[in-house]
Amino acid sequence: DIPVALAWGWQRRFGVPVRSFLVQRTIPGGVDLAEYIRRATDR
């Protein structure tokens, strides 16, 4: 269970990547575990 990748790309200069991007789908309503630990109170 991992995010869905949609696209990526990069710009290279003399064969070396300089800038790059990645597009993927979000996790609806998801929070990272660090934030979950801070928020959740029910044992």
PDB file of all heavy atoms in Angstrom:
ATOM      1  N   ASP A   1       0.847  -1.190   0.000  1.00  0.00           N
ATOM      2  CA  ASP A   1       0.000   0.000   0.000  1.00  0.00           C
ATOM      3  C   ASP A   1       0.881   1.237   0.000  1.00  0.00           C
ATOM      4  O   ASP A   1       1.414   1.643   1.033  1.00  0.00           O
ATOM      5  CB  ASP A   1      -0.907  -0.015   1.234  1.00  0.00           C
ATOM      6  CG  ASP A   1      -1.986   1.062   1.174  1.00  0.00           C
ATOM      7  OD1 ASP A   1      -2.046   1.785   0.167  1.00  0.00           O
ATOM      8  OD2 ASP A   1      -2.760   1.174   2.145  1.00  0.00           O
ATOM      9  N   ILE A   2       1.068   1.819  -1.167  1.00  0.00           N
ATOM     10  CA  ILE A   2       1.893   3.020  -1.301  1.00  0.00           C
ATOM     11  C   ILE A   2       1.184   3.969  -2.270  1.00  0.00           C
ATOM     12  O   ILE A   2       0.248   3.571  -2.970  1.00  0.00           O
ATOM     13  CB  ILE A   2       3.334   2.683  -1.775  1.00  0.00           C
ATOM     14  CG1 ILE A   2       3.310   1.758  -2.997  1.00  0.00           C
ATOM     15  CG2 ILE A   2       4.107   1.973  -0.679  1.00  0.00           C
ATOM     16  CD1 ILE A   2       3.438   2.452  -4.271  1.00  0.00           C
ATOM     17  N   PRO A   3       1.609   5.239  -2.339  1.00  0.00           N
ATOM     18  CA  PRO A   3       0.924   6.198  -3.215  1.00  0.00           C
ATOM     19  C   PRO A   3       1.027   5.809  -4.693  1.00  0.00           C
ATOM     20  O   PRO A   3       1.935   5.083  -5.105  1.00  0.00           O
ATOM     21  CB  PRO A   3       1.672   7.514  -2.942  1.00  0.00           C
ATOM     22  CG  PRO A   3       2.282   7.334  -1.598  1.00  0.00           C
ATOM     23  CD  PRO A   3       2.630   5.884  -1.508  1.00  0.00           C
ATOM     24  N   VAL A   4       0.097   6.327  -5.465  1.00  0.00           N
ATOM     25  CA  VAL A   4       0.060   6.079  -6.909  1.00  0.00           C
ATOM     26  C   VAL A   4       0.891   7.137  -7.619  1.00  0.00           C
ATOM     27  O   VAL A   4       0.620   8.340  -7.502  1.00  0.00           O
ATOM     28  CB  VAL A   4      -1.383   6.095  -7.436  1.00  0.00           C
ATOM     29  CG1 VAL A   4      -1.401   5.916  -8.951  1.00  0.00           C
ATOM     30  CG2 VAL A   4      -2.212   5.016  -6.753  1.00  0.00           C
ATOM     31  N   ALA A   5       1.914   6.711  -8.338  1.00  0.00           N
ATOM     32  CA  ALA A   5       2.752   7.632  -9.105  1.00  0.00           C
ATOM     33  C   ALA A   5       2.077   7.983 -10.424  1.00  0.00           C
ATOM     34  O   ALA A   5       1.554   7.097 -11.110  1.00  0.00           O
ATOM     35  CB  ALA A   5       4.118   7.014  -9.365  1.00  0.00           C
ATOM     36  N   LEU A   6       2.096   9.269 -10.786  1.00  0.00           N
ATOM     37  CA  LEU A   6       1.462   9.720 -12.021  1.00  0.00           C
ATOM     38  C   LEU A   6       2.464  10.222 -13.055  1.00  0.00           C
ATOM     39  O   LEU A   6       2.265  10.014 -14.257  1.00  0.00           O
ATOM     40  CB  LEU A   6       0.455  10.831 -11.715  1.00  0.00           C
ATOM     41  CG  LEU A   6      -0.671  10.474 -10.737  1.00  0.00           C
ATOM     42  CD1 LEU A   6      -1.568  11.685 -10.517  1.00  0.00           C
ATOM     43  CD2 LEU A   6      -1.478   9.293 -11.241  1.00  0.00           C
ATOM     44  N   ALA A   7       3.511  10.887 -12.613  1.00  0.00           N
ATOM     45  CA  ALA A   7       4.471  11.452 -13.570  1.00  0.00           C
ATOM     46  C   ALA A   7       5.746  11.862 -12.850  1.00  0.00           C
ATOM     47  O   ALA A   7       5.751  12.096 -11.633  1.00  0.00           O
ATOM     48  CB  ALA A   7       3.867  12.667 -14.280  1.00  0.00           C
ATOM     49  N   TRP A   8       6.817  11.940 -13.604  1.00  0.00           N
ATOM     50  CA  TRP A   8       8.060  12.498 -13.086  1.00  0.00           C
ATOM     51  C   TRP A   8       8.827  13.103 -14.256  1.00  0.00           C
ATOM     52  O   TRP A   8       8.544  12.831 -15.423  1.00  0.00           O
ATOM     53  CB  TRP A   8       8.912  11.433 -12.388  1.00  0.00           C
ATOM     54  CG  TRP A   8       9.734  10.603 -13.335  1.00  0.00           C
ATOM     55  CD1 TRP A   8       9.292   9.595 -14.142  1.00  0.00           C
ATOM     56  CD2 TRP A   8      11.139  10.743 -13.621  1.00  0.00           C
ATOM     57  NE1 TRP A   8      10.314   9.083 -14.891  1.00  0.00           N
ATOM     58  CE2 TRP A   8      11.464   9.769 -14.591  1.00  0.00           C
ATOM     59  CE3 TRP A   8      12.141  11.583 -13.140  1.00  0.00           C
ATOM     60  CZ2 TRP A   8      12.744   9.619 -15.094  1.00  0.00           C
ATOM     61  CZ3 TRP A   8      13.429  11.434 -13.635  1.00  0.00           C
ATOM     62  CH2 TRP A   8      13.723  10.463 -14.597  1.00  0.00           C
ATOM     63  N   GLY A   9       9.806  13.924 -13.924  1.00  0.00           N
ATOM     64  CA  GLY A   9      10.656  14.480 -14.971  1.00  0.00           C
ATOM     65  C   GLY A   9      11.888  15.134 -14.368  1.00  0.00           C
ATOM     66  O   GLY A   9      11.927  15.426 -13.175  1.00  0.00           O
ATOM     67  N   TRP A  10      12.898  15.329 -15.208  1.00  0.00           N
ATOM     68  CA  TRP A  10      14.074  16.045 -14.732  1.00  0.00           C
ATOM     69  C   TRP A  10      14.710  16.859 -15.845  1.00  0.00           C
ATOM     70  O   TRP A  10      14.466  16.662 -17.032  1.00  0.00           O
ATOM     71  CB  TRP A  10      15.086  15.122 -14.067  1.00  0.00           C
ATOM     72  CG  TRP A  10      15.775  14.086 -14.926  1.00  0.00           C
ATOM     73  CD1 TRP A  10      15.801  13.997 -16.290  1.00  0.00           C
ATOM     74  CD2 TRP A  10      16.553  12.976 -14.449  1.00  0.00           C
ATOM     75  NE1 TRP A  10      16.532  12.923 -16.695  1.00  0.00           N
ATOM     76  CE2 TRP A  10      17.012  12.281 -15.595  1.00  0.00           C
ATOM     77  CE3 TRP A  10      16.910  12.522 -13.199  1.00  0.00           C
ATOM     78  CZ2 TRP A  10      17.800  11.141 -15.493  1.00  0.00           C
ATOM     79  CZ3 TRP A  10      17.702  11.387 -13.098  1.00  0.00           C
ATOM     80  CH2 TRP A  10      18.135  10.710 -14.234  1.00  0.00           C
ATOM     81  N   GLN A  11      15.525  17.793 -15.408  1.00  0.00           N
ATOM     82  CA  GLN A  11      16.352  18.607 -16.294  1.00  0.00           C
ATOM     83  C   GLN A  11      17.802  18.230 -16.009  1.00  0.00           C
ATOM     84  O   GLN A  11      18.229  18.223 -14.855  1.00  0.00           O
ATOM     85  CB  GLN A  11      16.143  20.094 -16.015  1.00  0.00           C
ATOM     86  CG  GLN A  11      17.068  21.004 -16.799  1.00  0.00           C
ATOM     87  CD  GLN A  11      17.219  22.375 -16.141  1.00  0.00           C
ATOM     88  OE1 GLN A  11      17.376  22.464 -14.930  1.00  0.00           O
ATOM     89  NE2 GLN A  11      17.139  23.421 -16.938  1.00  0.00           N
ATOM     90  N   ARG A  12      18.532  17.888 -17.061  1.00  0.00           N
ATOM     91  CA  ARG A  12      19.928  17.529 -16.890  1.00  0.00           C
ATOM     92  C   ARG A  12      20.818  18.518 -17.640  1.00  0.00           C
ATOM     93  O   ARG A  12      20.472  18.981 -18.726  1.00  0.00           O
ATOM     94  CB  ARG A  12      20.200  16.116 -17.410  1.00  0.00           C
ATOM     95  CG  ARG A  12      19.537  15.025 -16.597  1.00  0.00           C
ATOM     96  CD  ARG A  12      19.959  13.652 -17.065  1.00  0.00           C
ATOM     97  NE  ARG A  12      19.602  13.425 -18.467  1.00  0.00           N
ATOM     98  CZ  ARG A  12      20.051  12.426 -19.213  1.00  0.00           C
ATOM     99  NH1 ARG A  12      20.898  11.558 -18.703  1.00  0.00           N
ATOM    100  NH2 ARG A  12      19.668  12.290 -20.458  1.00  0.00           N
ATOM    101  N   ARG A  13      21.952  18.796 -17.050  1.00  0.00           N
ATOM    102  CA  ARG A  13      22.966  19.625 -17.697  1.00  0.00           C
ATOM    103  C   ARG A  13      24.247  18.816 -17.794  1.00  0.00           C
ATOM    104  O   ARG A  13      24.757  18.360 -16.774  1.00  0.00           O
ATOM    105  CB  ARG A  13      23.198  20.916 -16.908  1.00  0.00           C
ATOM    106  CG  ARG A  13      22.015  21.861 -16.942  1.00  0.00           C
ATOM    107  CD  ARG A  13      22.252  23.100 -16.127  1.00  0.00           C
ATOM    108  NE  ARG A  13      21.089  23.975 -16.139  1.00  0.00           N
ATOM    109  CZ  ARG A  13      20.896  24.974 -15.299  1.00  0.00           C
ATOM    110  NH1 ARG A  13      21.806  25.236 -14.352  1.00  0.00           N
ATOM    111  NH2 ARG A  13      19.812  25.728 -15.370  1.00  0.00           N
ATOM    112  N   PHE A  14      24.704  18.619 -19.015  1.00  0.00           N
ATOM    113  CA  PHE A  14      25.891  17.814 -19.278  1.00  0.00           C
ATOM    114  C   PHE A  14      25.756  16.438 -18.624  1.00  0.00           C
ATOM    115  O   PHE A  14      26.707  15.900 -18.047  1.00  0.00           O
ATOM    116  CB  PHE A  14      27.141  18.540 -18.806  1.00  0.00           C
ATOM    117  CG  PHE A  14      27.351  19.856 -19.490  1.00  0.00           C
ATOM    118  CD1 PHE A  14      27.004  21.040 -18.852  1.00  0.00           C
ATOM    119  CD2 PHE A  14      27.846  19.920 -20.778  1.00  0.00           C
ATOM    120  CE1 PHE A  14      27.168  22.263 -19.486  1.00  0.00           C
ATOM    121  CE2 PHE A  14      28.015  21.138 -21.420  1.00  0.00           C
ATOM    122  CZ  PHE A  14      27.670  22.307 -20.781  1.00  0.00           C
ATOM    123  N   GLY A  15      24.548  15.876 -18.701  1.00  0.00           N
ATOM    124  CA  GLY A  15      24.285  14.533 -18.208  1.00  0.00           C
ATOM    125  C   GLY A  15      23.979  14.414 -16.727  1.00  0.00           C
ATOM    126  O   GLY A  15      23.652  13.321 -16.260  1.00  0.00           O
ATOM    127  N   VAL A  16      24.060  15.502 -15.989  1.00  0.00           N
ATOM    128  CA  VAL A  16      23.851  15.460 -14.534  1.00  0.00           C
ATOM    129  C   VAL A  16      22.519  16.094 -14.176  1.00  0.00           C
ATOM    130  O   VAL A  16      22.254  17.243 -14.573  1.00  0.00           O
ATOM    131  CB  VAL A  16      24.996  16.182 -13.797  1.00  0.00           C
ATOM    132  CG1 VAL A  16      24.749  16.177 -12.291  1.00  0.00           C
ATOM    133  CG2 VAL A  16      26.328  15.535 -14.123  1.00  0.00           C
ATOM    134  N   PRO A  17      21.629  15.411 -13.432  1.00  0.00           N
ATOM    135  CA  PRO A  17      20.348  16.003 -13.043  1.00  0.00           C
ATOM    136  C   PRO A  17      20.538  17.247 -12.169  1.00  0.00           C
ATOM    137  O   PRO A  17      21.354  17.243 -11.239  1.00  0.00           O
ATOM    138  CB  PRO A  17      19.664  14.881 -12.242  1.00  0.00           C
ATOM    139  CG  PRO A  17      20.347  13.626 -12.666  1.00  0.00           C
ATOM    140  CD  PRO A  17      21.753  14.013 -12.970  1.00  0.00           C
ATOM    141  N   VAL A  18      19.769  18.286 -12.480  1.00  0.00           N
ATOM    142  CA  VAL A  18      19.817  19.528 -11.714  1.00  0.00           C
ATOM    143  C   VAL A  18      18.474  19.795 -11.027  1.00  0.00           C
ATOM    144  O   VAL A  18      18.413  20.099  -9.846  1.00  0.00           O
ATOM    145  CB  VAL A  18      20.180  20.720 -12.622  1.00  0.00           C
ATOM    146  CG1 VAL A  18      20.165  22.031 -11.831  1.00  0.00           C
ATOM    147  CG2 VAL A  18      21.542  20.504 -13.259  1.00  0.00           C
ATOM    148  N   ARG A  19      17.386  19.668 -11.792  1.00  0.00           N
ATOM    149  CA  ARG A  19      16.037  19.858 -11.241  1.00  0.00           C
ATOM    150  C   ARG A  19      15.185  18.638 -11.590  1.00  0.00           C
ATOM    151  O   ARG A  19      15.341  18.067 -12.671  1.00  0.00           O
ATOM    152  CB  ARG A  19      15.377  21.115 -11.821  1.00  0.00           C
ATOM    153  CG  ARG A  19      16.114  22.404 -11.535  1.00  0.00           C
ATOM    154  CD  ARG A  19      15.312  23.611 -12.012  1.00  0.00           C
ATOM    155  NE  ARG A  19      15.155  23.633 -13.455  1.00  0.00           N
ATOM    156  CZ  ARG A  19      14.273  24.393 -14.106  1.00  0.00           C
ATOM    157  NH1 ARG A  19      13.447  25.178 -13.424  1.00  0.00           N
ATOM    158  NH2 ARG A  19      14.203  24.372 -15.430  1.00  0.00           N
ATOM    159  N   SER A  20      14.291  18.279 -10.680  1.00  0.00           N
ATOM    160  CA  SER A  20      13.427  17.122 -10.939  1.00  0.00           C
ATOM    161  C   SER A  20      12.118  17.285 -10.188  1.00  0.00           C
ATOM    162  O   SER A  20      12.044  18.001  -9.190  1.00  0.00           O
ATOM    163  CB  SER A  20      14.121  15.820 -10.535  1.00  0.00           C
ATOM    164  OG  SER A  20      14.649  15.904  -9.229  1.00  0.00           O
ATOM    165  N   PHE A  21      11.064  16.626 -10.688  1.00  0.00           N
ATOM    166  CA  PHE A  21       9.751  16.687 -10.031  1.00  0.00           C
ATOM    167  C   PHE A  21       9.087  15.320 -10.070  1.00  0.00           C
ATOM    168  O   PHE A  21       9.414  14.466 -10.902  1.00  0.00           O
ATOM    169  CB  PHE A  21       8.852  17.739 -10.690  1.00  0.00           C
ATOM    170  CG  PHE A  21       8.240  17.282 -11.992  1.00  0.00           C
ATOM    171  CD1 PHE A  21       7.034  16.581 -12.026  1.00  0.00           C
ATOM    172  CD2 PHE A  21       8.882  17.536 -13.205  1.00  0.00           C
ATOM    173  CE1 PHE A  21       6.481  16.152 -13.226  1.00  0.00           C
ATOM    174  CE2 PHE A  21       8.332  17.113 -14.414  1.00  0.00           C
ATOM    175  CZ  PHE A  21       7.119  16.414 -14.418  1.00  0.00           C
ATOM    176  N   LEU A  22       8.132  15.144  -9.173  1.00  0.00           N
ATOM    177  CA  LEU A  22       7.352  13.914  -9.084  1.00  0.00           C
ATOM    178  C   LEU A  22       5.911  14.281  -8.751  1.00  0.00           C
ATOM    179  O   LEU A  22       5.673  15.116  -7.878  1.00  0.00           O
ATOM    180  CB  LEU A  22       7.916  12.996  -7.997  1.00  0.00           C
ATOM    181  CG  LEU A  22       7.112  11.739  -7.637  1.00  0.00           C
ATOM    182  CD1 LEU A  22       7.131  10.749  -8.794  1.00  0.00           C
ATOM    183  CD2 LEU A  22       7.672  11.095  -6.374  1.00  0.00           C
ATOM    184  N   VAL A  23       4.956  13.671  -9.456  1.00  0.00           N
ATOM    185  CA  VAL A  23       3.529  13.859  -9.170  1.00  0.00           C
ATOM    186  C   VAL A  23       2.940  12.524  -8.756  1.00  0.00           C
ATOM    187  O   VAL A  23       3.144  11.504  -9.433  1.00  0.00           O
ATOM    188  CB  VAL A  23       2.760  14.396 -10.397  1.00  0.00           C
ATOM    189  CG1 VAL A  23       1.293  14.643 -10.038  1.00  0.00           C
ATOM    190  CG2 VAL A  23       3.392  15.674 -10.920  1.00  0.00           C
ATOM    191  N   GLN A  24       2.222  12.526  -7.649  1.00  0.00           N
ATOM    192  CA  GLN A  24       1.551  11.318  -7.184  1.00  0.00           C
ATOM    193  C   GLN A  24       0.223  11.690  -6.538  1.00  0.00           C
ATOM    194  O   GLN A  24      -0.032  12.849  -6.257  1.00  0.00           O
ATOM    195  CB  GLN A  24       2.429  10.554  -6.189  1.00  0.00           C
ATOM    196  CG  GLN A  24       2.780  11.346  -4.942  1.00  0.00           C
ATOM    197  CD  GLN A  24       3.871  10.686  -4.130  1.00  0.00           C
ATOM    198  OE1 GLN A  24       4.893  10.278  -4.656  1.00  0.00           O
ATOM    199  NE2 GLN A  24       3.656  10.594  -2.832  1.00  0.00           N
ATOM    200  N   ARG A  25      -0.623  10.700  -6.336  1.00  0.00           N
ATOM    201  CA  ARG A  25      -1.904  10.954  -5.694  1.00  0.00           C
ATOM    202  C   ARG A  25      -1.716  11.086  -4.185  1.00  0.00           C
ATOM    203  O   ARG A  25      -0.852  10.438  -3.588  1.00  0.00           O
ATOM    204  CB  ARG A  25      -2.899   9.841  -5.988  1.00  0.00           C
ATOM    205  CG  ARG A  25      -3.284   9.761  -7.447  1.00  0.00           C
ATOM    206  CD  ARG A  25      -4.710   9.305  -7.653  1.00  0.00           C
ATOM    207  NE  ARG A  25      -5.082   9.382  -9.070  1.00  0.00           N
ATOM    208  CZ  ARG A  25      -5.515  10.468  -9.659  1.00  0.00           C
ATOM    209  NH1 ARG A  25      -5.643  11.585  -8.953  1.00  0.00           N
ATOM    210  NH2 ARG A  25      -5.832  10.472 -10.944  1.00  0.00           N
ATOM    211  N   THR A  26      -2.531  11.950  -3.576  1.00  0.00           N
ATOM    212  CA  THR A  26      -2.479  12.103  -2.133  1.00  0.00           C
ATOM    213  C   THR A  26      -3.167  10.922  -1.446  1.00  0.00           C
ATOM    214  O   THR A  26      -3.849  10.120  -2.089  1.00  0.00           O
ATOM    215  CB  THR A  26      -3.170  13.407  -1.696  1.00  0.00           C
ATOM    216  OG1 THR A  26      -4.527  13.398  -2.187  1.00  0.00           O
ATOM    217  CG2 THR A  26      -2.446  14.621  -2.251  1.00  0.00           C
ATOM    218  N   ILE A  27      -2.995  10.834  -0.149  1.00  0.00           N
ATOM    219  CA  ILE A  27      -3.693   9.858   0.681  1.00  0.00           C
ATOM    220  C   ILE A  27      -4.853  10.598   1.332  1.00  0.00           C
ATOM    221  O   ILE A  27      -4.649  11.361   2.286  1.00  0.00           O
ATOM    222  CB  ILE A  27      -2.764   9.269   1.761  1.00  0.00           C
ATOM    223  CG1 ILE A  27      -1.445   8.778   1.142  1.00  0.00           C
ATOM    224  CG2 ILE A  27      -3.462   8.166   2.527  1.00  0.00           C
ATOM    225  CD1 ILE A  27      -1.610   7.711   0.101  1.00  0.00           C
ATOM    226  N   PRO A  28      -6.085  10.450   0.829  1.00  0.00           N
ATOM    227  CA  PRO A  28      -7.207  11.250   1.344  1.00  0.00           C
ATOM    228  C   PRO A  28      -7.386  11.090   2.852  1.00  0.00           C
ATOM    229  O   PRO A  28      -7.525   9.974   3.358  1.00  0.00           O
ATOM    230  CB  PRO A  28      -8.417  10.684   0.587  1.00  0.00           C
ATOM    231  CG  PRO A  28      -7.838  10.079  -0.656  1.00  0.00           C
ATOM    232  CD  PRO A  28      -6.504   9.535  -0.248  1.00  0.00           C
ATOM    233  N   GLY A  29      -7.328  12.215   3.550  1.00  0.00           N
ATOM    234  CA  GLY A  29      -7.522  12.200   4.993  1.00  0.00           C
ATOM    235  C   GLY A  29      -6.356  11.666   5.789  1.00  0.00           C
ATOM    236  O   GLY A  29      -6.433  11.560   7.016  1.00  0.00           O
ATOM    237  N   GLY A  30      -5.252  11.352   5.123  1.00  0.00           N
ATOM    238  CA  GLY A  30      -4.117  10.758   5.821  1.00  0.00           C
ATOM    239  C   GLY A  30      -3.272  11.786   6.556  1.00  0.00           C
ATOM    240  O   GLY A  30      -3.173  12.942   6.139  1.00  0.00           O
ATOM    241  N   VAL A  31      -2.669  11.373   7.661  1.00  0.00           N
ATOM    242  CA  VAL A  31      -1.708  12.199   8.396  1.00  0.00           C
ATOM    243  C   VAL A  31      -0.469  11.354   8.643  1.00  0.00           C
ATOM    244  O   VAL A  31      -0.558  10.124   8.760  1.00  0.00           O
ATOM    245  CB  VAL A  31      -2.271  12.711   9.734  1.00  0.00           C
ATOM    246  CG1 VAL A  31      -3.458  13.638   9.510  1.00  0.00           C
ATOM    247  CG2 VAL A  31      -2.667  11.566  10.652  1.00  0.00           C
ATOM    248  N   ASP A  32       0.678  11.999   8.726  1.00  0.00           N
ATOM    249  CA  ASP A  32       1.870  11.201   8.985  1.00  0.00           C
ATOM    250  C   ASP A  32       1.855  10.712  10.436  1.00  0.00           C
ATOM    251  O   ASP A  32       1.162  11.254  11.303  1.00  0.00           O
ATOM    252  CB  ASP A  32       3.147  11.953   8.634  1.00  0.00           C
ATOM    253  CG  ASP A  32       3.417  13.159   9.501  1.00  0.00           C
ATOM    254  OD1 ASP A  32       3.446  13.011  10.736  1.00  0.00           O
ATOM    255  OD2 ASP A  32       3.604  14.258   8.959  1.00  0.00           O
ATOM    256  N   LEU A  33       2.605   9.665  10.695  1.00  0.00           N
ATOM    257  CA  LEU A  33       2.568   9.026  12.008  1.00  0.00           C
ATOM    258  C   LEU A  33       3.004   9.981  13.113  1.00  0.00           C
ATOM    259  O   LEU A  33       2.480   9.904  14.236  1.00  0.00           O
ATOM    260  CB  LEU A  33       3.449   7.774  11.997  1.00  0.00           C
ATOM    261  CG  LEU A  33       3.463   6.935  13.279  1.00  0.00           C
ATOM    262  CD1 LEU A  33       2.065   6.456  13.637  1.00  0.00           C
ATOM    263  CD2 LEU A  33       4.422   5.748  13.122  1.00  0.00           C
ATOM    264  N   ALA A  34       3.943  10.874  12.817  1.00  0.00           N
ATOM    265  CA  ALA A  34       4.366  11.843  13.829  1.00  0.00           C
ATOM    266  C   ALA A  34       3.198  12.730  14.257  1.00  0.00           C
ATOM    267  O   ALA A  34       2.989  12.972  15.451  1.00  0.00           O
ATOM    268  CB  ALA A  34       5.512  12.696  13.279  1.00  0.00           C
ATOM    269  N   GLU A  35       2.426  13.207  13.286  1.00  0.00           N
ATOM    270  CA  GLU A  35       1.263  14.039  13.597  1.00  0.00           C
ATOM    271  C   GLU A  35       0.195  13.213  14.310  1.00  0.00           C
ATOM    272  O   GLU A  35      -0.471  13.709  15.235  1.00  0.00           O
ATOM    273  CB  GLU A  35       0.704  14.638  12.311  1.00  0.00           C
ATOM    274  CG  GLU A  35      -0.459  15.599  12.507  1.00  0.00           C
ATOM    275  CD  GLU A  35      -0.068  16.861  13.252  1.00  0.00           C
ATOM    276  OE1 GLU A  35       1.134  17.201  13.286  1.00  0.00           O
ATOM    277  OE2 GLU A  35      -0.966  17.497  13.821  1.00  0.00           O
ATOM    278  N   TYR A  36       0.023  11.971  13.885  1.00  0.00           N
ATOM    279  CA  TYR A  36      -0.959  11.096  14.537  1.00  0.00           C
ATOM    280  C   TYR A  36      -0.628  10.927  16.021  1.00  0.00           C
ATOM    281  O   TYR A  36      -1.514  10.991  16.890  1.00  0.00           O
ATOM    282  CB  TYR A  36      -0.992   9.738  13.842  1.00  0.00           C
ATOM    283  CG  TYR A  36      -1.906   8.749  14.519  1.00  0.00           C
ATOM    284  CD1 TYR A  36      -3.265   8.709  14.221  1.00  0.00           C
ATOM    285  CD2 TYR A  36      -1.411   7.862  15.483  1.00  0.00           C
ATOM    286  CE1 TYR A  36      -4.110   7.810  14.862  1.00  0.00           C
ATOM    287  CE2 TYR A  36      -2.254   6.966  16.127  1.00  0.00           C
ATOM    288  CZ  TYR A  36      -3.595   6.951  15.814  1.00  0.00           C
ATOM    289  OH  TYR A  36      -4.424   6.073  16.459  1.00  0.00           O
ATOM    290  N   ILE A  37       0.639  10.709  16.336  1.00  0.00           N
ATOM    291  CA  ILE A  37       1.046  10.529  17.727  1.00  0.00           C
ATOM    292  C   ILE A  37       0.732  11.772  18.542  1.00  0.00           C
ATOM    293  O   ILE A  37       0.286  11.688  19.699  1.00  0.00           O
ATOM    294  CB  ILE A  37       2.554  10.189  17.804  1.00  0.00           C
ATOM    295  CG1 ILE A  37       2.808   8.803  17.195  1.00  0.00           C
ATOM    296  CG2 ILE A  37       3.060  10.234  19.239  1.00  0.00           C
ATOM    297  CD1 ILE A  37       4.277   8.476  17.004  1.00  0.00           C
ATOM    298  N   ARG A  38       0.928  12.943  17.950  1.00  0.00           N
ATOM    299  CA  ARG A  38       0.647  14.191  18.667  1.00  0.00           C
ATOM    300  C   ARG A  38      -0.847  14.391  18.900  1.00  0.00           C
ATOM    301  O   ARG A  38      -1.259  14.928  19.927  1.00  0.00           O
ATOM    302  CB  ARG A  38       1.217  15.384  17.895  1.00  0.00           C
ATOM    303  CG  ARG A  38       2.727  15.506  17.971  1.00  0.00           C
ATOM    304  CD  ARG A  38       3.203  16.834  17.421  1.00  0.00           C
ATOM    305  NE  ARG A  38       3.072  16.911  15.981  1.00  0.00           N
ATOM    306  CZ  ARG A  38       4.031  16.542  15.128  1.00  0.00           C
ATOM    307  NH1 ARG A  38       5.173  16.055  15.587  1.00  0.00           N
ATOM    308  NH2 ARG A  38       3.849  16.651  13.833  1.00  0.00           N
ATOM    309  N   ARG A  39      -1.673  13.956  17.931  1.00  0.00           N
ATOM    310  CA  ARG A  39      -3.105  14.224  18.003  1.00  0.00           C
ATOM    311  C   ARG A  39      -3.894  13.175  18.772  1.00  0.00           C
ATOM    312  O   ARG A  39      -4.809  13.498  19.533  1.00  0.00           O
ATOM    313  CB  ARG A  39      -3.687  14.313  16.589  1.00  0.00           C
ATOM    314  CG  ARG A  39      -3.270  15.507  15.779  1.00  0.00           C
ATOM    315  CD  ARG A  39      -4.026  15.462  14.450  1.00  0.00           C
ATOM    316  NE  ARG A  39      -3.583  16.477  13.518  1.00  0.00           N
ATOM    317  CZ  ARG A  39      -4.097  16.601  12.296  1.00  0.00           C
ATOM    318  NH1 ARG A  39      -5.039  15.772  11.883  1.00  0.00           N
ATOM    319  NH2 ARG A  39      -3.648  17.540  11.481  1.00  0.00           N
ATOM    320  N   ALA A  40      -3.606  11.911  18.514  1.00  0.00           N
ATOM    321  CA  ALA A  40      -4.453  10.831  19.021  1.00  0.00           C
ATOM    322  C   ALA A  40      -4.303  10.681  20.529  1.00  0.00           C
ATOM    323  O   ALA A  40      -3.189  10.719  21.067  1.00  0.00           O
ATOM    324  CB  ALA A  40      -4.120   9.520  18.321  1.00  0.00           C
ATOM    325  N   THR A  41      -5.420  10.496  21.217  1.00  0.00           N
ATOM    326  CA  THR A  41      -5.404  10.354  22.671  1.00  0.00           C
ATOM    327  C   THR A  41      -5.979   9.020  23.140  1.00  0.00           C
ATOM    328  O   THR A  41      -5.726   8.614  24.270  1.00  0.00           O
ATOM    329  CB  THR A  41      -6.205  11.499  23.324  1.00  0.00           C
ATOM    330  OG1 THR A  41      -7.545  11.493  22.813  1.00  0.00           O
ATOM    331  CG2 THR A  41      -5.555  12.852  23.044  1.00  0.00           C
ATOM    332  N   ASP A  42      -6.757   8.335  22.301  1.00  0.00           N
ATOM    333  CA  ASP A  42      -7.364   7.082  22.692  1.00  0.00           C
ATOM    334  C   ASP A  42      -6.317   5.967  22.697  1.00  0.00           C
ATOM    335  O   ASP A  42      -5.704   5.674  21.667  1.00  0.00           O
ATOM    336  CB  ASP A  42      -8.505   6.728  21.733  1.00  0.00           C
ATOM    337  CG  ASP A  42      -9.215   5.453  22.146  1.00  0.00           C
ATOM    338  OD1 ASP A  42     -10.141   5.537  22.967  1.00  0.00           O
ATOM    339  OD2 ASP A  42      -8.826   4.372  21.657  1.00  0.00           O
ATOM    340  N   ARG A  43      -6.129   5.337  23.859  1.00  0.00           N
ATOM    341  CA  ARG A  43      -5.070   4.329  24.005  1.00  0.00           C
ATOM    342  C   ARG A  43      -5.269   3.159  23.069  1.00  0.00           C
ATOM    343  O   ARG A  43      -4.317   2.713  22.401  1.00  0.00           O
ATOM    344  CB  ARG A  43      -5.034   3.845  25.460  1.00  0.00           C
ATOM    345  CG  ARG A  43      -4.069   2.678  25.707  1.00  0.00           C
ATOM    346  CD  ARG A  43      -4.033   2.296  27.176  1.00  0.00           C
ATOM    347  NE  ARG A  43      -3.228   1.100  27.393  1.00  0.00           N
ATOM    348  CZ  ARG A  43      -3.702  -0.136  27.330  1.00  0.00           C
ATOM    349  NH1 ARG A  43      -4.993  -0.336  27.033  1.00  0.00           N
ATOM    350  NH2 ARG A  43      -2.904  -1.173  27.538  1.00  0.00           N
TER     351      ARG A  43
END
